């Protein structure tokens, strides 16, 4: 149900933009970028989904996180690639939001997580490729639980030993 709400929000955004457009030139078009940091196993990725004025996915970036400044550069590159100077940016990541507020031509909005779930969906859709490309080890969940239990056991023994 939440996936439909996210799609509806983005499609409504596209409809609102079309209704507000005065002319047909691309400088009046306003694209929507939904950006977040998403975790996949041990690596944090920067994910950006760019939607056109009709609400359709136009482009997507998934890259390992470095800095907030690098993420802003990636968003700026997307804007340049699509020849737009005005970009609406939705995020649920507070550090990105703070950086976006300092950027000219980017209307930043700190959104609820439910409005930006498409970045998580992008990571999940491409997880096999990301595991292969970045050499991430896929650990079965049962092994992860056992490993977590082992770590807790070691912590308890260490805390008893200190006392």
N, C-alpha and C. Protein backbone atom coordinates (compact mmCIF):
# COMPACT_ATOMS: atom_id res chain seq x y z
N UNK A 1 0.83 -1.20 0.00
CA UNK A 1 0.00 0.00 0.00
C UNK A 1 0.87 1.26 0.00
N UNK A 2 1.96 1.24 0.74
CA UNK A 2 2.83 2.41 0.78
C UNK A 2 3.48 2.66 -0.57
N UNK A 3 3.77 1.59 -1.33
CA UNK A 3 4.37 1.77 -2.65
C UNK A 3 3.43 2.56 -3.55
N UNK A 4 2.15 2.25 -3.48
CA UNK A 4 1.18 2.99 -4.29
C UNK A 4 1.13 4.45 -3.87
N UNK A 5 1.20 4.71 -2.57
CA UNK A 5 1.17 6.09 -2.09
C UNK A 5 2.35 6.88 -2.62
N UNK A 6 3.54 6.27 -2.62
CA UNK A 6 4.72 6.94 -3.15
C UNK A 6 4.53 7.25 -4.62
N UNK A 7 4.07 6.26 -5.38
CA UNK A 7 3.85 6.47 -6.82
C UNK A 7 2.81 7.56 -7.04
N UNK A 8 1.76 7.56 -6.24
CA UNK A 8 0.71 8.56 -6.39
C UNK A 8 1.26 9.95 -6.10
N UNK A 9 2.09 10.07 -5.06
CA UNK A 9 2.69 11.37 -4.74
C UNK A 9 3.51 11.89 -5.91
N UNK A 10 4.32 11.02 -6.51
CA UNK A 10 5.18 11.44 -7.60
C UNK A 10 4.36 11.78 -8.83
N UNK A 11 3.35 10.98 -9.15
CA UNK A 11 2.50 11.28 -10.31
C UNK A 11 1.71 12.56 -10.09
N UNK A 12 1.23 12.80 -8.87
CA UNK A 12 0.53 14.05 -8.58
C UNK A 12 1.48 15.23 -8.71
N UNK A 13 2.73 15.05 -8.31
CA UNK A 13 3.73 16.11 -8.47
C UNK A 13 3.87 16.46 -9.95
N UNK A 14 3.97 15.44 -10.81
CA UNK A 14 4.08 15.68 -12.25
C UNK A 14 2.87 16.40 -12.81
N UNK A 15 1.67 16.02 -12.36
CA UNK A 15 0.44 16.66 -12.84
C UNK A 15 0.41 18.12 -12.41
N UNK A 16 0.80 18.38 -11.17
CA UNK A 16 0.82 19.75 -10.66
C UNK A 16 1.77 20.62 -11.49
N UNK A 17 2.93 20.05 -11.84
CA UNK A 17 3.88 20.80 -12.64
C UNK A 17 3.33 21.11 -14.02
N UNK A 18 2.67 20.14 -14.65
CA UNK A 18 2.10 20.37 -15.98
C UNK A 18 1.03 21.44 -15.92
N UNK A 19 0.22 21.43 -14.86
CA UNK A 19 -0.85 22.42 -14.72
C UNK A 19 -0.28 23.82 -14.53
N UNK A 20 0.89 23.92 -13.88
CA UNK A 20 1.49 25.23 -13.60
C UNK A 20 2.39 25.75 -14.70
N UNK A 21 2.72 24.90 -15.67
CA UNK A 21 3.64 25.33 -16.73
C UNK A 21 3.00 26.41 -17.59
N UNK A 22 3.79 27.42 -17.91
CA UNK A 22 3.30 28.51 -18.75
C UNK A 22 3.64 28.28 -20.22
N UNK A 23 4.78 27.69 -20.50
CA UNK A 23 5.21 27.49 -21.88
C UNK A 23 5.72 26.09 -22.08
N UNK A 24 6.13 25.80 -23.31
CA UNK A 24 6.59 24.47 -23.62
C UNK A 24 8.09 24.30 -23.59
N UNK A 25 8.85 25.35 -23.28
CA UNK A 25 10.30 25.17 -23.33
C UNK A 25 10.81 24.46 -22.08
N UNK A 26 11.95 23.80 -22.23
CA UNK A 26 12.46 22.93 -21.16
C UNK A 26 12.92 23.72 -19.94
N UNK A 27 13.15 25.02 -20.06
CA UNK A 27 13.60 25.78 -18.90
C UNK A 27 12.49 25.94 -17.86
N UNK A 28 11.22 25.79 -18.27
CA UNK A 28 10.11 25.88 -17.34
C UNK A 28 9.79 24.55 -16.67
N UNK A 29 10.33 23.47 -17.23
CA UNK A 29 10.05 22.16 -16.67
C UNK A 29 10.79 22.01 -15.35
N UNK A 30 10.15 21.38 -14.40
CA UNK A 30 10.77 21.17 -13.10
C UNK A 30 10.80 19.68 -12.82
N UNK A 31 11.97 19.16 -12.71
CA UNK A 31 12.14 17.75 -12.42
C UNK A 31 12.14 17.53 -10.92
N UNK A 32 11.81 16.30 -10.53
CA UNK A 32 11.82 15.91 -9.12
C UNK A 32 12.92 14.87 -8.92
N UNK A 33 13.81 15.14 -7.99
CA UNK A 33 14.83 14.16 -7.61
C UNK A 33 14.52 13.68 -6.20
N UNK A 34 14.42 12.37 -6.04
CA UNK A 34 14.23 11.77 -4.72
C UNK A 34 15.56 11.13 -4.35
N UNK A 35 16.19 11.63 -3.29
CA UNK A 35 17.55 11.21 -2.94
C UNK A 35 17.63 10.80 -1.48
N UNK A 36 18.42 9.76 -1.21
CA UNK A 36 18.64 9.28 0.15
C UNK A 36 19.92 8.48 0.20
N UNK A 37 20.38 8.24 1.42
CA UNK A 37 21.42 7.25 1.65
C UNK A 37 20.71 5.97 2.06
N UNK A 38 21.08 4.87 1.43
CA UNK A 38 20.47 3.57 1.73
C UNK A 38 21.57 2.57 2.07
N UNK A 39 21.28 1.70 3.01
CA UNK A 39 22.24 0.71 3.47
C UNK A 39 21.98 -0.62 2.77
N UNK A 40 23.04 -1.23 2.26
CA UNK A 40 22.97 -2.59 1.73
C UNK A 40 24.14 -3.35 2.35
N UNK A 41 23.82 -4.26 3.24
CA UNK A 41 24.83 -4.99 4.00
C UNK A 41 25.74 -4.00 4.71
N UNK A 42 27.01 -3.99 4.38
CA UNK A 42 27.96 -3.15 5.12
C UNK A 42 28.25 -1.82 4.42
N UNK A 43 27.66 -1.59 3.26
CA UNK A 43 27.96 -0.38 2.49
C UNK A 43 26.74 0.54 2.45
N UNK A 44 26.99 1.84 2.63
CA UNK A 44 25.95 2.84 2.46
C UNK A 44 26.06 3.41 1.06
N UNK A 45 24.93 3.46 0.36
CA UNK A 45 24.89 3.96 -1.01
C UNK A 45 24.12 5.27 -1.08
N UNK A 46 24.53 6.12 -2.00
CA UNK A 46 23.76 7.31 -2.35
C UNK A 46 22.86 6.90 -3.51
N UNK A 47 21.56 7.12 -3.34
CA UNK A 47 20.58 6.76 -4.37
C UNK A 47 19.81 8.00 -4.77
N UNK A 48 19.74 8.24 -6.07
CA UNK A 48 18.98 9.38 -6.60
C UNK A 48 18.08 8.88 -7.73
N UNK A 49 16.80 9.13 -7.62
CA UNK A 49 15.84 8.84 -8.68
C UNK A 49 15.34 10.17 -9.22
N UNK A 50 15.49 10.38 -10.52
CA UNK A 50 15.05 11.62 -11.16
C UNK A 50 13.78 11.35 -11.94
N UNK A 51 12.73 12.13 -11.64
CA UNK A 51 11.44 11.99 -12.32
C UNK A 51 11.21 13.20 -13.20
N UNK A 52 10.66 12.95 -14.40
CA UNK A 52 10.38 14.06 -15.31
C UNK A 52 9.08 14.75 -14.92
N UNK A 53 8.68 15.74 -15.71
CA UNK A 53 7.49 16.52 -15.38
C UNK A 53 6.20 15.71 -15.50
N UNK A 54 6.26 14.52 -16.10
CA UNK A 54 5.09 13.64 -16.17
C UNK A 54 5.05 12.64 -15.03
N UNK A 55 6.07 12.67 -14.17
CA UNK A 55 6.10 11.77 -13.03
C UNK A 55 6.74 10.43 -13.32
N UNK A 56 7.39 10.29 -14.46
CA UNK A 56 8.04 9.03 -14.82
C UNK A 56 9.53 9.07 -14.50
N UNK A 57 10.07 7.91 -14.13
CA UNK A 57 11.48 7.82 -13.81
C UNK A 57 12.30 8.11 -15.06
N UNK A 58 13.11 9.15 -15.00
CA UNK A 58 13.94 9.55 -16.14
C UNK A 58 15.36 9.04 -16.00
N UNK A 59 15.87 8.99 -14.78
CA UNK A 59 17.26 8.57 -14.57
C UNK A 59 17.43 8.11 -13.13
N UNK A 60 18.51 7.38 -12.89
CA UNK A 60 18.75 6.84 -11.56
C UNK A 60 20.25 6.73 -11.32
N UNK A 61 20.67 7.07 -10.11
CA UNK A 61 22.07 6.93 -9.70
C UNK A 61 22.11 6.09 -8.43
N UNK A 62 22.98 5.09 -8.43
CA UNK A 62 23.27 4.33 -7.21
C UNK A 62 24.79 4.22 -7.14
N UNK A 63 25.37 4.83 -6.13
CA UNK A 63 26.82 4.83 -5.99
C UNK A 63 27.18 4.80 -4.50
N UNK A 64 28.31 4.22 -4.15
CA UNK A 64 28.69 4.22 -2.73
C UNK A 64 28.80 5.65 -2.19
N UNK A 65 28.37 5.81 -0.95
CA UNK A 65 28.39 7.13 -0.31
C UNK A 65 29.83 7.55 -0.04
N UNK A 66 30.13 8.80 -0.34
CA UNK A 66 31.41 9.37 0.06
C UNK A 66 31.15 10.53 1.00
N UNK A 67 30.74 11.69 0.45
CA UNK A 67 30.41 12.84 1.29
C UNK A 67 29.11 13.46 0.79
N UNK A 68 28.54 14.32 1.62
CA UNK A 68 27.33 15.04 1.20
C UNK A 68 27.63 15.94 0.01
N UNK A 69 28.81 16.54 -0.01
CA UNK A 69 29.19 17.40 -1.14
C UNK A 69 29.23 16.62 -2.45
N UNK A 70 29.75 15.39 -2.41
CA UNK A 70 29.77 14.56 -3.61
C UNK A 70 28.35 14.21 -4.07
N UNK A 71 27.46 13.99 -3.11
CA UNK A 71 26.07 13.70 -3.46
C UNK A 71 25.43 14.90 -4.15
N UNK A 72 25.71 16.10 -3.66
CA UNK A 72 25.18 17.32 -4.28
C UNK A 72 25.73 17.46 -5.70
N UNK A 73 26.99 17.14 -5.89
CA UNK A 73 27.59 17.21 -7.23
C UNK A 73 26.88 16.25 -8.17
N UNK A 74 26.56 15.04 -7.70
CA UNK A 74 25.84 14.06 -8.52
C UNK A 74 24.45 14.58 -8.91
N UNK A 75 23.77 15.21 -7.96
CA UNK A 75 22.44 15.78 -8.25
C UNK A 75 22.58 16.89 -9.28
N UNK A 76 23.58 17.73 -9.10
CA UNK A 76 23.83 18.84 -10.03
C UNK A 76 24.14 18.30 -11.44
N UNK A 77 24.92 17.21 -11.53
CA UNK A 77 25.22 16.59 -12.82
C UNK A 77 23.95 16.08 -13.51
N UNK A 78 23.05 15.50 -12.71
CA UNK A 78 21.76 15.06 -13.29
C UNK A 78 20.99 16.24 -13.85
N UNK A 79 20.96 17.34 -13.11
CA UNK A 79 20.25 18.53 -13.57
C UNK A 79 20.86 19.04 -14.87
N UNK A 80 22.18 19.08 -14.95
CA UNK A 80 22.85 19.53 -16.17
C UNK A 80 22.58 18.59 -17.33
N UNK A 81 22.58 17.30 -17.06
CA UNK A 81 22.33 16.31 -18.10
C UNK A 81 20.95 16.49 -18.73
N UNK A 82 19.98 16.87 -17.91
CA UNK A 82 18.62 17.07 -18.40
C UNK A 82 18.32 18.54 -18.68
N UNK A 83 19.35 19.35 -18.72
CA UNK A 83 19.24 20.76 -19.11
C UNK A 83 18.17 21.51 -18.32
N UNK A 84 18.22 21.34 -17.01
CA UNK A 84 17.28 22.04 -16.15
C UNK A 84 18.05 22.81 -15.07
N UNK A 85 17.57 24.00 -14.78
CA UNK A 85 18.21 24.80 -13.74
C UNK A 85 17.43 24.75 -12.44
N UNK A 86 16.17 24.35 -12.51
CA UNK A 86 15.33 24.25 -11.32
C UNK A 86 15.03 22.79 -11.04
N UNK A 87 15.29 22.38 -9.83
CA UNK A 87 15.11 20.99 -9.46
C UNK A 87 14.46 20.91 -8.09
N UNK A 88 13.39 20.16 -8.01
CA UNK A 88 12.74 19.87 -6.73
C UNK A 88 13.43 18.63 -6.17
N UNK A 89 13.87 18.67 -4.92
CA UNK A 89 14.59 17.54 -4.33
C UNK A 89 13.90 17.13 -3.04
N UNK A 90 13.48 15.86 -2.99
CA UNK A 90 12.90 15.29 -1.78
C UNK A 90 13.92 14.36 -1.16
N UNK A 91 14.04 14.43 0.15
CA UNK A 91 14.94 13.52 0.87
C UNK A 91 14.41 13.27 2.27
N UNK A 92 14.81 12.14 2.82
CA UNK A 92 14.53 11.83 4.23
C UNK A 92 15.82 11.82 5.04
N UNK A 93 16.92 12.12 4.38
CA UNK A 93 18.23 12.15 5.02
C UNK A 93 18.54 13.58 5.46
N UNK A 94 18.62 13.80 6.77
CA UNK A 94 18.79 15.16 7.30
C UNK A 94 20.08 15.83 6.85
N UNK A 95 21.17 15.08 6.79
CA UNK A 95 22.45 15.69 6.39
C UNK A 95 22.39 16.18 4.94
N UNK A 96 21.73 15.42 4.07
CA UNK A 96 21.56 15.86 2.68
C UNK A 96 20.66 17.09 2.61
N UNK A 97 19.61 17.07 3.40
CA UNK A 97 18.67 18.20 3.41
C UNK A 97 19.39 19.50 3.80
N UNK A 98 20.22 19.43 4.83
CA UNK A 98 20.96 20.62 5.26
C UNK A 98 21.86 21.16 4.15
N UNK A 99 22.53 20.25 3.43
CA UNK A 99 23.40 20.67 2.32
C UNK A 99 22.57 21.24 1.17
N UNK A 100 21.44 20.62 0.89
CA UNK A 100 20.59 21.06 -0.23
C UNK A 100 20.03 22.46 0.00
N UNK A 101 19.81 22.82 1.25
CA UNK A 101 19.29 24.15 1.55
C UNK A 101 20.26 25.25 1.13
N UNK A 102 21.53 24.91 1.03
CA UNK A 102 22.56 25.88 0.66
C UNK A 102 22.74 25.99 -0.86
N UNK A 103 22.06 25.15 -1.62
CA UNK A 103 22.25 25.09 -3.07
C UNK A 103 21.22 25.93 -3.81
N UNK A 104 21.70 26.76 -4.72
CA UNK A 104 20.81 27.55 -5.57
C UNK A 104 20.20 26.65 -6.65
N UNK A 105 18.94 26.88 -6.94
CA UNK A 105 18.26 26.13 -8.00
C UNK A 105 17.73 24.78 -7.57
N UNK A 106 17.89 24.44 -6.29
CA UNK A 106 17.38 23.18 -5.78
C UNK A 106 16.42 23.46 -4.64
N UNK A 107 15.16 23.16 -4.87
CA UNK A 107 14.14 23.35 -3.85
C UNK A 107 14.06 22.08 -3.01
N UNK A 108 14.70 22.10 -1.85
CA UNK A 108 14.79 20.91 -1.01
C UNK A 108 13.59 20.79 -0.09
N UNK A 109 13.14 19.55 0.09
CA UNK A 109 12.07 19.25 1.02
C UNK A 109 12.48 18.04 1.85
N UNK A 110 12.36 18.17 3.17
CA UNK A 110 12.60 17.04 4.06
C UNK A 110 11.27 16.30 4.17
N UNK A 111 11.21 15.12 3.58
CA UNK A 111 9.96 14.37 3.49
C UNK A 111 9.95 13.21 4.48
N UNK A 112 8.75 12.72 4.77
CA UNK A 112 8.63 11.51 5.57
C UNK A 112 9.20 10.34 4.79
N UNK A 113 9.63 9.34 5.50
CA UNK A 113 10.24 8.17 4.84
C UNK A 113 9.29 7.53 3.84
N UNK A 114 8.01 7.54 4.13
CA UNK A 114 7.04 6.91 3.22
C UNK A 114 6.98 7.60 1.86
N UNK A 115 7.36 8.86 1.78
CA UNK A 115 7.34 9.59 0.51
C UNK A 115 8.60 9.35 -0.31
N UNK A 116 9.63 8.77 0.31
CA UNK A 116 10.90 8.56 -0.40
C UNK A 116 11.31 7.09 -0.43
N UNK A 117 10.35 6.20 -0.31
CA UNK A 117 10.65 4.77 -0.29
C UNK A 117 11.19 4.25 -1.61
N UNK A 118 11.03 5.00 -2.68
CA UNK A 118 11.50 4.52 -3.98
C UNK A 118 13.01 4.36 -4.03
N UNK A 119 13.75 5.08 -3.18
CA UNK A 119 15.20 4.88 -3.15
C UNK A 119 15.54 3.53 -2.53
N UNK A 120 14.82 3.14 -1.50
CA UNK A 120 15.01 1.83 -0.89
C UNK A 120 14.61 0.73 -1.87
N UNK A 121 13.53 0.94 -2.58
CA UNK A 121 13.08 -0.02 -3.59
C UNK A 121 14.15 -0.18 -4.68
N UNK A 122 14.80 0.91 -5.07
CA UNK A 122 15.85 0.84 -6.10
C UNK A 122 17.02 -0.02 -5.62
N UNK A 123 17.42 0.17 -4.36
CA UNK A 123 18.50 -0.65 -3.79
C UNK A 123 18.10 -2.12 -3.78
N UNK A 124 16.88 -2.40 -3.36
CA UNK A 124 16.43 -3.79 -3.30
C UNK A 124 16.33 -4.42 -4.69
N UNK A 125 15.89 -3.65 -5.68
CA UNK A 125 15.77 -4.17 -7.04
C UNK A 125 17.13 -4.51 -7.63
N UNK A 126 18.14 -3.74 -7.30
CA UNK A 126 19.46 -3.93 -7.89
C UNK A 126 20.45 -4.58 -6.92
N UNK A 127 19.96 -5.18 -5.85
CA UNK A 127 20.86 -5.72 -4.82
C UNK A 127 21.78 -6.81 -5.37
N UNK A 128 21.28 -7.68 -6.25
CA UNK A 128 22.14 -8.73 -6.81
C UNK A 128 23.30 -8.13 -7.59
N UNK A 129 23.00 -7.13 -8.41
CA UNK A 129 24.07 -6.48 -9.18
C UNK A 129 25.06 -5.77 -8.27
N UNK A 130 24.55 -5.09 -7.25
CA UNK A 130 25.42 -4.37 -6.33
C UNK A 130 26.31 -5.32 -5.54
N UNK A 131 25.74 -6.46 -5.13
CA UNK A 131 26.55 -7.47 -4.43
C UNK A 131 27.69 -7.95 -5.33
N UNK A 132 27.36 -8.20 -6.58
CA UNK A 132 28.37 -8.69 -7.52
C UNK A 132 29.41 -7.62 -7.84
N UNK A 133 28.95 -6.42 -8.09
CA UNK A 133 29.84 -5.35 -8.52
C UNK A 133 30.78 -4.89 -7.41
N UNK A 134 30.26 -4.79 -6.18
CA UNK A 134 31.06 -4.31 -5.05
C UNK A 134 31.58 -5.44 -4.17
N UNK A 135 31.47 -6.67 -4.65
CA UNK A 135 31.99 -7.85 -3.96
C UNK A 135 31.46 -7.95 -2.53
N UNK A 136 30.19 -7.72 -2.37
CA UNK A 136 29.57 -7.86 -1.05
C UNK A 136 29.24 -9.32 -0.83
N UNK A 137 29.54 -9.82 0.36
CA UNK A 137 29.21 -11.20 0.67
C UNK A 137 27.77 -11.28 1.13
N UNK A 138 27.05 -12.20 0.52
CA UNK A 138 25.68 -12.42 0.95
C UNK A 138 25.70 -13.44 2.08
N UNK A 139 25.37 -12.99 3.26
CA UNK A 139 25.27 -13.90 4.39
C UNK A 139 23.80 -14.24 4.60
N UNK A 140 23.49 -15.52 4.69
CA UNK A 140 22.10 -15.87 4.99
C UNK A 140 21.69 -15.29 6.33
N UNK A 141 20.42 -14.96 6.45
CA UNK A 141 19.94 -14.31 7.68
C UNK A 141 20.17 -15.19 8.91
N UNK A 142 20.08 -16.51 8.74
CA UNK A 142 20.29 -17.39 9.89
C UNK A 142 21.73 -17.25 10.41
N UNK A 143 22.70 -17.11 9.50
CA UNK A 143 24.09 -16.93 9.92
C UNK A 143 24.28 -15.57 10.59
N UNK A 144 23.57 -14.56 10.08
CA UNK A 144 23.66 -13.24 10.71
C UNK A 144 23.12 -13.29 12.13
N UNK A 145 22.02 -14.01 12.35
CA UNK A 145 21.45 -14.12 13.69
C UNK A 145 22.42 -14.85 14.62
N UNK A 146 23.03 -15.92 14.11
CA UNK A 146 24.00 -16.66 14.92
C UNK A 146 25.19 -15.77 15.27
N UNK A 147 25.65 -15.00 14.30
CA UNK A 147 26.78 -14.10 14.53
C UNK A 147 26.41 -13.05 15.57
N UNK A 148 25.19 -12.52 15.48
CA UNK A 148 24.72 -11.54 16.47
C UNK A 148 24.65 -12.15 17.86
N UNK A 149 24.18 -13.39 17.95
CA UNK A 149 24.12 -14.10 19.23
C UNK A 149 25.50 -14.34 19.81
N UNK A 150 26.44 -14.68 18.95
CA UNK A 150 27.81 -14.90 19.39
C UNK A 150 28.43 -13.61 19.93
N UNK A 151 28.19 -12.52 19.25
CA UNK A 151 28.71 -11.23 19.69
C UNK A 151 28.12 -10.85 21.05
N UNK A 152 26.82 -11.06 21.23
CA UNK A 152 26.18 -10.75 22.51
C UNK A 152 26.77 -11.61 23.63
N UNK A 153 27.01 -12.88 23.33
CA UNK A 153 27.59 -13.79 24.33
C UNK A 153 28.99 -13.31 24.74
N UNK A 154 29.78 -12.91 23.76
CA UNK A 154 31.14 -12.41 24.05
C UNK A 154 31.07 -11.13 24.87
N UNK A 155 30.13 -10.24 24.55
CA UNK A 155 29.97 -9.00 25.31
C UNK A 155 29.65 -9.29 26.77
N UNK A 156 28.74 -10.24 27.00
CA UNK A 156 28.36 -10.59 28.37
C UNK A 156 29.54 -11.14 29.15
N UNK A 157 30.31 -12.02 28.50
CA UNK A 157 31.47 -12.60 29.17
C UNK A 157 32.51 -11.54 29.49
N UNK A 158 32.72 -10.61 28.56
CA UNK A 158 33.69 -9.53 28.80
C UNK A 158 33.24 -8.62 29.93
N UNK A 159 31.94 -8.31 29.97
CA UNK A 159 31.45 -7.44 31.04
C UNK A 159 31.55 -8.13 32.40
N UNK A 160 31.32 -9.45 32.45
CA UNK A 160 31.47 -10.19 33.71
C UNK A 160 32.93 -10.24 34.13
N UNK A 161 33.80 -10.38 33.15
CA UNK A 161 35.24 -10.46 33.43
C UNK A 161 35.78 -9.13 33.98
N UNK A 162 35.23 -8.00 33.50
CA UNK A 162 35.66 -6.68 33.98
C UNK A 162 35.23 -6.45 35.41
N UNK A 163 34.07 -6.98 35.78
CA UNK A 163 33.54 -6.77 37.14
C UNK A 163 34.22 -7.70 38.07
